[in-house]
PDB file of N, CA and C in Angstrom:
ATOM      1  N   UNK A   1       0.859  -1.181   0.000  1.00  0.00           N
ATOM      2  CA  UNK A   1       0.000   0.000   0.000  1.00  0.00           C
ATOM      3  C   UNK A   1       0.895   1.231   0.000  1.00  0.00           C
ATOM      4  N   UNK A   2       0.490   2.214  -0.728  1.00  0.00           N
ATOM      5  CA  UNK A   2       1.282   3.437  -0.832  1.00  0.00           C
ATOM      6  C   UNK A   2       0.483   4.630  -0.346  1.00  0.00           C
ATOM      7  N   UNK A   3       1.180   5.621   0.136  1.00  0.00           N
ATOM      8  CA  UNK A   3       0.528   6.836   0.618  1.00  0.00           C
ATOM      9  C   UNK A   3       0.724   7.997  -0.330  1.00  0.00           C
ATOM     10  N   UNK A   4       1.249   7.710  -1.511  1.00  0.00           N
ATOM     11  CA  UNK A   4       1.517   8.780  -2.463  1.00  0.00           C
ATOM     12  C   UNK A   4       0.267   9.142  -3.245  1.00  0.00           C
ATOM     13  N   UNK A   5       0.361  10.185  -4.013  1.00  0.00           N
ATOM     14  CA  UNK A   5      -0.777  10.637  -4.789  1.00  0.00           C
ATOM     15  C   UNK A   5      -1.465  11.788  -4.080  1.00  0.00           C
ATOM     16  N   UNK A   6      -2.568  12.214  -4.634  1.00  0.00           N
ATOM     17  CA  UNK A   6      -3.312  13.336  -4.055  1.00  0.00           C
ATOM     18  C   UNK A   6      -4.316  12.791  -3.041  1.00  0.00           C
ATOM     19  N   UNK A   7      -3.888  12.726  -1.803  1.00  0.00           N
ATOM     20  CA  UNK A   7      -4.699  12.150  -0.735  1.00  0.00           C
ATOM     21  C   UNK A   7      -6.002  12.927  -0.565  1.00  0.00           C
ATOM     22  N   UNK A   8      -5.931  14.246  -0.603  1.00  0.00           N
ATOM     23  CA  UNK A   8      -7.127  15.065  -0.429  1.00  0.00           C
ATOM     24  C   UNK A   8      -8.160  14.793  -1.524  1.00  0.00           C
ATOM     25  N   UNK A   9      -7.691  14.621  -2.734  1.00  0.00           N
ATOM     26  CA  UNK A   9      -8.607  14.343  -3.850  1.00  0.00           C
ATOM     27  C   UNK A   9      -9.262  12.979  -3.650  1.00  0.00           C
ATOM     28  N   UNK A  10      -8.466  11.978  -3.246  1.00  0.00           N
ATOM     29  CA  UNK A  10      -9.038  10.651  -3.008  1.00  0.00           C
ATOM     30  C   UNK A  10     -10.082  10.689  -1.900  1.00  0.00           C
ATOM     31  N   UNK A  11      -9.803  11.433  -0.854  1.00  0.00           N
ATOM     32  CA  UNK A  11     -10.757  11.536   0.257  1.00  0.00           C
ATOM     33  C   UNK A  11     -12.061  12.193  -0.195  1.00  0.00           C
ATOM     34  N   UNK A  12     -11.964  13.202  -1.041  1.00  0.00           N
ATOM     35  CA  UNK A  12     -13.153  13.915  -1.499  1.00  0.00           C
ATOM     36  C   UNK A  12     -13.956  13.125  -2.522  1.00  0.00           C
ATOM     37  N   UNK A  13     -13.323  12.219  -3.237  1.00  0.00           N
ATOM     38  CA  UNK A  13     -14.014  11.466  -4.287  1.00  0.00           C
ATOM     39  C   UNK A  13     -14.553  10.113  -3.832  1.00  0.00           C
ATOM     40  N   UNK A  14     -14.216   9.672  -2.630  1.00  0.00           N
ATOM     41  CA  UNK A  14     -14.590   8.327  -2.193  1.00  0.00           C
ATOM     42  C   UNK A  14     -16.110   8.123  -2.182  1.00  0.00           C
ATOM     43  N   UNK A  15     -16.834   8.914  -1.422  1.00  0.00           N
ATOM     44  CA  UNK A  15     -18.286   8.731  -1.322  1.00  0.00           C
ATOM     45  C   UNK A  15     -19.012   9.038  -2.637  1.00  0.00           C
ATOM     46  N   UNK A  16     -18.655  10.117  -3.345  1.00  0.00           N
ATOM     47  CA  UNK A  16     -19.301  10.331  -4.654  1.00  0.00           C
ATOM     48  C   UNK A  16     -19.065   9.172  -5.625  1.00  0.00           C
ATOM     49  N   UNK A  17     -17.897   8.536  -5.527  1.00  0.00           N
ATOM     50  CA  UNK A  17     -17.617   7.422  -6.424  1.00  0.00           C
ATOM     51  C   UNK A  17     -18.479   6.217  -6.072  1.00  0.00           C
ATOM     52  N   UNK A  18     -18.729   5.981  -4.796  1.00  0.00           N
ATOM     53  CA  UNK A  18     -19.625   4.886  -4.418  1.00  0.00           C
ATOM     54  C   UNK A  18     -21.018   5.115  -4.998  1.00  0.00           C
ATOM     55  N   UNK A  19     -21.459   6.357  -4.980  1.00  0.00           N
ATOM     56  CA  UNK A  19     -22.754   6.691  -5.562  1.00  0.00           C
ATOM     57  C   UNK A  19     -22.729   6.536  -7.084  1.00  0.00           C
ATOM     58  N   UNK A  20     -21.632   6.962  -7.709  1.00  0.00           N
ATOM     59  CA  UNK A  20     -21.518   6.864  -9.167  1.00  0.00           C
ATOM     60  C   UNK A  20     -21.519   5.405  -9.619  1.00  0.00           C
ATOM     61  N   UNK A  21     -20.904   4.535  -8.829  1.00  0.00           N
ATOM     62  CA  UNK A  21     -20.886   3.114  -9.179  1.00  0.00           C
ATOM     63  C   UNK A  21     -22.305   2.549  -9.174  1.00  0.00           C
ATOM     64  N   UNK A  22     -23.148   3.068  -8.320  1.00  0.00           N
ATOM     65  CA  UNK A  22     -24.528   2.585  -8.253  1.00  0.00           C
ATOM     66  C   UNK A  22     -25.413   3.204  -9.327  1.00  0.00           C
ATOM     67  N   UNK A  23     -25.178   4.467  -9.685  1.00  0.00           N
ATOM     68  CA  UNK A  23     -26.148   5.199 -10.497  1.00  0.00           C
ATOM     69  C   UNK A  23     -25.661   5.625 -11.883  1.00  0.00           C
ATOM     70  N   UNK A  24     -24.359   5.632 -12.132  1.00  0.00           N
ATOM     71  CA  UNK A  24     -23.830   6.071 -13.423  1.00  0.00           C
ATOM     72  C   UNK A  24     -23.483   4.838 -14.251  1.00  0.00           C
ATOM     73  N   UNK A  25     -24.163   4.622 -15.379  1.00  0.00           N
ATOM     74  CA  UNK A  25     -23.926   3.393 -16.148  1.00  0.00           C
ATOM     75  C   UNK A  25     -22.504   3.281 -16.706  1.00  0.00           C
ATOM     76  N   UNK A  26     -21.874   4.383 -17.051  1.00  0.00           N
ATOM     77  CA  UNK A  26     -20.504   4.340 -17.590  1.00  0.00           C
ATOM     78  C   UNK A  26     -19.524   3.884 -16.514  1.00  0.00           C
ATOM     79  N   UNK A  27     -19.608   4.516 -15.350  1.00  0.00           N
ATOM     80  CA  UNK A  27     -18.700   4.188 -14.252  1.00  0.00           C
ATOM     81  C   UNK A  27     -19.004   2.773 -13.731  1.00  0.00           C
ATOM     82  N   UNK A  28     -20.279   2.425 -13.623  1.00  0.00           N
ATOM     83  CA  UNK A  28     -20.669   1.091 -13.130  1.00  0.00           C
ATOM     84  C   UNK A  28     -20.091  -0.002 -14.027  1.00  0.00           C
ATOM     85  N   UNK A  29     -20.215   0.161 -15.335  1.00  0.00           N
ATOM     86  CA  UNK A  29     -19.700  -0.848 -16.263  1.00  0.00           C
ATOM     87  C   UNK A  29     -18.179  -0.970 -16.151  1.00  0.00           C
ATOM     88  N   UNK A  30     -17.494   0.152 -16.032  1.00  0.00           N
ATOM     89  CA  UNK A  30     -16.036   0.145 -15.896  1.00  0.00           C
ATOM     90  C   UNK A  30     -15.622  -0.561 -14.605  1.00  0.00           C
ATOM     91  N   UNK A  31     -16.308  -0.251 -13.498  1.00  0.00           N
ATOM     92  CA  UNK A  31     -16.005  -0.849 -12.195  1.00  0.00           C
ATOM     93  C   UNK A  31     -16.194  -2.365 -12.246  1.00  0.00           C
ATOM     94  N   UNK A  32     -17.308  -2.810 -12.781  1.00  0.00           N
ATOM     95  CA  UNK A  32     -17.585  -4.251 -12.830  1.00  0.00           C
ATOM     96  C   UNK A  32     -16.644  -4.973 -13.790  1.00  0.00           C
ATOM     97  N   UNK A  33     -16.228  -4.303 -14.854  1.00  0.00           N
ATOM     98  CA  UNK A  33     -15.247  -4.903 -15.763  1.00  0.00           C
ATOM     99  C   UNK A  33     -13.910  -5.108 -15.056  1.00  0.00           C
ATOM    100  N   UNK A  34     -13.510  -4.119 -14.243  1.00  0.00           N
ATOM    101  CA  UNK A  34     -12.255  -4.256 -13.495  1.00  0.00           C
ATOM    102  C   UNK A  34     -12.342  -5.393 -12.481  1.00  0.00           C
ATOM    103  N   UNK A  35     -13.477  -5.489 -11.790  1.00  0.00           N
ATOM    104  CA  UNK A  35     -13.649  -6.574 -10.824  1.00  0.00           C
ATOM    105  C   UNK A  35     -13.619  -7.932 -11.519  1.00  0.00           C
ATOM    106  N   UNK A  36     -14.265  -8.021 -12.674  1.00  0.00           N
ATOM    107  CA  UNK A  36     -14.300  -9.270 -13.438  1.00  0.00           C
ATOM    108  C   UNK A  36     -12.895  -9.685 -13.877  1.00  0.00           C
ATOM    109  N   UNK A  37     -12.042  -8.692 -14.132  1.00  0.00           N
ATOM    110  CA  UNK A  37     -10.666  -8.966 -14.558  1.00  0.00           C
ATOM    111  C   UNK A  37      -9.724  -9.220 -13.388  1.00  0.00           C
ATOM    112  N   UNK A  38     -10.278  -9.322 -12.168  1.00  0.00           N
ATOM    113  CA  UNK A  38      -9.467  -9.728 -11.026  1.00  0.00           C
ATOM    114  C   UNK A  38      -8.914  -8.615 -10.159  1.00  0.00           C
ATOM    115  N   UNK A  39      -9.308  -7.391 -10.387  1.00  0.00           N
ATOM    116  CA  UNK A  39      -8.820  -6.293  -9.554  1.00  0.00           C
ATOM    117  C   UNK A  39      -9.525  -6.322  -8.195  1.00  0.00           C
ATOM    118  N   UNK A  40      -8.813  -5.887  -7.176  1.00  0.00           N
ATOM    119  CA  UNK A  40      -9.408  -5.763  -5.850  1.00  0.00           C
ATOM    120  C   UNK A  40     -10.422  -4.625  -5.873  1.00  0.00           C
ATOM    121  N   UNK A  41     -11.385  -4.671  -4.955  1.00  0.00           N
ATOM    122  CA  UNK A  41     -12.450  -3.665  -4.952  1.00  0.00           C
ATOM    123  C   UNK A  41     -11.909  -2.249  -4.806  1.00  0.00           C
ATOM    124  N   UNK A  42     -10.954  -2.047  -3.895  1.00  0.00           N
ATOM    125  CA  UNK A  42     -10.418  -0.699  -3.679  1.00  0.00           C
ATOM    126  C   UNK A  42      -9.593  -0.237  -4.877  1.00  0.00           C
ATOM    127  N   UNK A  43      -8.876  -1.136  -5.498  1.00  0.00           N
ATOM    128  CA  UNK A  43      -8.111  -0.794  -6.703  1.00  0.00           C
ATOM    129  C   UNK A  43      -9.060  -0.357  -7.804  1.00  0.00           C
ATOM    130  N   UNK A  44     -10.147  -1.091  -7.976  1.00  0.00           N
ATOM    131  CA  UNK A  44     -11.143  -0.746  -8.997  1.00  0.00           C
ATOM    132  C   UNK A  44     -11.806   0.585  -8.664  1.00  0.00           C
ATOM    133  N   UNK A  45     -12.065   0.835  -7.387  1.00  0.00           N
ATOM    134  CA  UNK A  45     -12.682   2.088  -6.969  1.00  0.00           C
ATOM    135  C   UNK A  45     -11.775   3.275  -7.284  1.00  0.00           C
ATOM    136  N   UNK A  46     -10.492   3.154  -6.975  1.00  0.00           N
ATOM    137  CA  UNK A  46      -9.547   4.239  -7.252  1.00  0.00           C
ATOM    138  C   UNK A  46      -9.370   4.424  -8.755  1.00  0.00           C
ATOM    139  N   UNK A  47      -9.404   3.348  -9.521  1.00  0.00           N
ATOM    140  CA  UNK A  47      -9.330   3.458 -10.980  1.00  0.00           C
ATOM    141  C   UNK A  47     -10.544   4.211 -11.516  1.00  0.00           C
ATOM    142  N   UNK A  48     -11.709   3.976 -10.922  1.00  0.00           N
ATOM    143  CA  UNK A  48     -12.917   4.702 -11.326  1.00  0.00           C
ATOM    144  C   UNK A  48     -12.811   6.181 -10.963  1.00  0.00           C
ATOM    145  N   UNK A  49     -12.195   6.468  -9.823  1.00  0.00           N
ATOM    146  CA  UNK A  49     -11.970   7.870  -9.453  1.00  0.00           C
ATOM    147  C   UNK A  49     -11.123   8.562 -10.513  1.00  0.00           C
ATOM    148  N   UNK A  50     -10.077   7.879 -10.934  1.00  0.00           N
ATOM    149  CA  UNK A  50      -9.200   8.453 -11.961  1.00  0.00           C
ATOM    150  C   UNK A  50      -9.953   8.646 -13.277  1.00  0.00           C
ATOM    151  N   UNK A  51     -10.786   7.671 -13.634  1.00  0.00           N
ATOM    152  CA  UNK A  51     -11.577   7.789 -14.863  1.00  0.00           C
ATOM    153  C   UNK A  51     -12.522   8.971 -14.777  1.00  0.00           C
ATOM    154  N   UNK A  52     -13.165   9.151 -13.623  1.00  0.00           N
ATOM    155  CA  UNK A  52     -14.071  10.282 -13.445  1.00  0.00           C
ATOM    156  C   UNK A  52     -13.319  11.605 -13.564  1.00  0.00           C
ATOM    157  N   UNK A  53     -12.133  11.692 -12.977  1.00  0.00           N
ATOM    158  CA  UNK A  53     -11.343  12.918 -13.098  1.00  0.00           C
ATOM    159  C   UNK A  53     -10.965  13.184 -14.550  1.00  0.00           C
ATOM    160  N   UNK A  54     -10.637  12.143 -15.283  1.00  0.00           N
ATOM    161  CA  UNK A  54     -10.306  12.293 -16.699  1.00  0.00           C
ATOM    162  C   UNK A  54     -11.508  12.806 -17.479  1.00  0.00           C
ATOM    163  N   UNK A  55     -12.684  12.248 -17.200  1.00  0.00           N
ATOM    164  CA  UNK A  55     -13.909  12.693 -17.868  1.00  0.00           C
ATOM    165  C   UNK A  55     -14.204  14.141 -17.524  1.00  0.00           C
ATOM    166  N   UNK A  56     -14.089  14.485 -16.240  1.00  0.00           N
ATOM    167  CA  UNK A  56     -14.366  15.863 -15.813  1.00  0.00           C
ATOM    168  C   UNK A  56     -13.384  16.852 -16.429  1.00  0.00           C
ATOM    169  N   UNK A  57     -12.115  16.481 -16.503  1.00  0.00           N
ATOM    170  CA  UNK A  57     -11.121  17.360 -17.122  1.00  0.00           C
ATOM    171  C   UNK A  57     -11.442  17.594 -18.595  1.00  0.00           C
ATOM    172  N   UNK A  58     -11.877  16.555 -19.302  1.00  0.00           N
ATOM    173  CA  UNK A  58     -12.243  16.696 -20.710  1.00  0.00           C
ATOM    174  C   UNK A  58     -13.467  17.592 -20.869  1.00  0.00           C
ATOM    175  N   UNK A  59     -14.434  17.449 -19.965  1.00  0.00           N
ATOM    176  CA  UNK A  59     -15.642  18.281 -20.017  1.00  0.00           C
ATOM    177  C   UNK A  59     -15.288  19.752 -19.820  1.00  0.00           C
ATOM    178  N   UNK A  60     -14.435  20.014 -18.848  1.00  0.00           N
ATOM    179  CA  UNK A  60     -14.036  21.400 -18.574  1.00  0.00           C
ATOM    180  C   UNK A  60     -13.231  21.966 -19.741  1.00  0.00           C
ATOM    181  N   UNK A  61     -12.324  21.157 -20.281  1.00  0.00           N
ATOM    182  CA  UNK A  61     -11.479  21.612 -21.387  1.00  0.00           C
ATOM    183  C   UNK A  61     -12.308  21.956 -22.623  1.00  0.00           C
ATOM    184  N   UNK A  62     -13.305  21.126 -22.924  1.00  0.00           N
ATOM    185  CA  UNK A  62     -14.139  21.341 -24.107  1.00  0.00           C
ATOM    186  C   UNK A  62     -15.328  22.252 -23.835  1.00  0.00           C
ATOM    187  N   UNK A  63     -15.562  22.551 -22.558  1.00  0.00           N
ATOM    188  CA  UNK A  63     -16.686  23.397 -22.154  1.00  0.00           C
ATOM    189  C   UNK A  63     -18.023  22.812 -22.637  1.00  0.00           C
ATOM    190  N   UNK A  64     -18.187  21.502 -22.377  1.00  0.00           N
ATOM    191  CA  UNK A  64     -19.381  20.782 -22.786  1.00  0.00           C
ATOM    192  C   UNK A  64     -20.107  20.221 -21.575  1.00  0.00           C
ATOM    193  N   UNK A  65     -21.321  19.763 -21.780  1.00  0.00           N
ATOM    194  CA  UNK A  65     -22.087  19.099 -20.742  1.00  0.00           C
ATOM    195  C   UNK A  65     -21.792  17.602 -20.750  1.00  0.00           C
ATOM    196  N   UNK A  66     -22.092  16.924 -19.653  1.00  0.00           N
ATOM    197  CA  UNK A  66     -21.935  15.480 -19.581  1.00  0.00           C
ATOM    198  C   UNK A  66     -22.894  14.812 -20.544  1.00  0.00           C
ATOM    199  N   UNK A  67     -22.393  13.809 -21.282  1.00  0.00           N
ATOM    200  CA  UNK A  67     -23.245  13.089 -22.226  1.00  0.00           C
ATOM    201  C   UNK A  67     -23.223  11.623 -21.900  1.00  0.00           C
TER     202      UNK A  67
END
């Protein structure tokens, strides 16, 4: 286990990501695909956090709405 990375960002995204896994079909499918491929639950959760940040950064960069 490592303590590196943006700890504050991970702390702020934990609960919203649990909700996104339940209600967002894109994130849910990605999470379940990672679990199916043998990733641990927390590893898959953090990977989903990173995916969400990537999506949000693209939305802000393009100045578009979520699709």
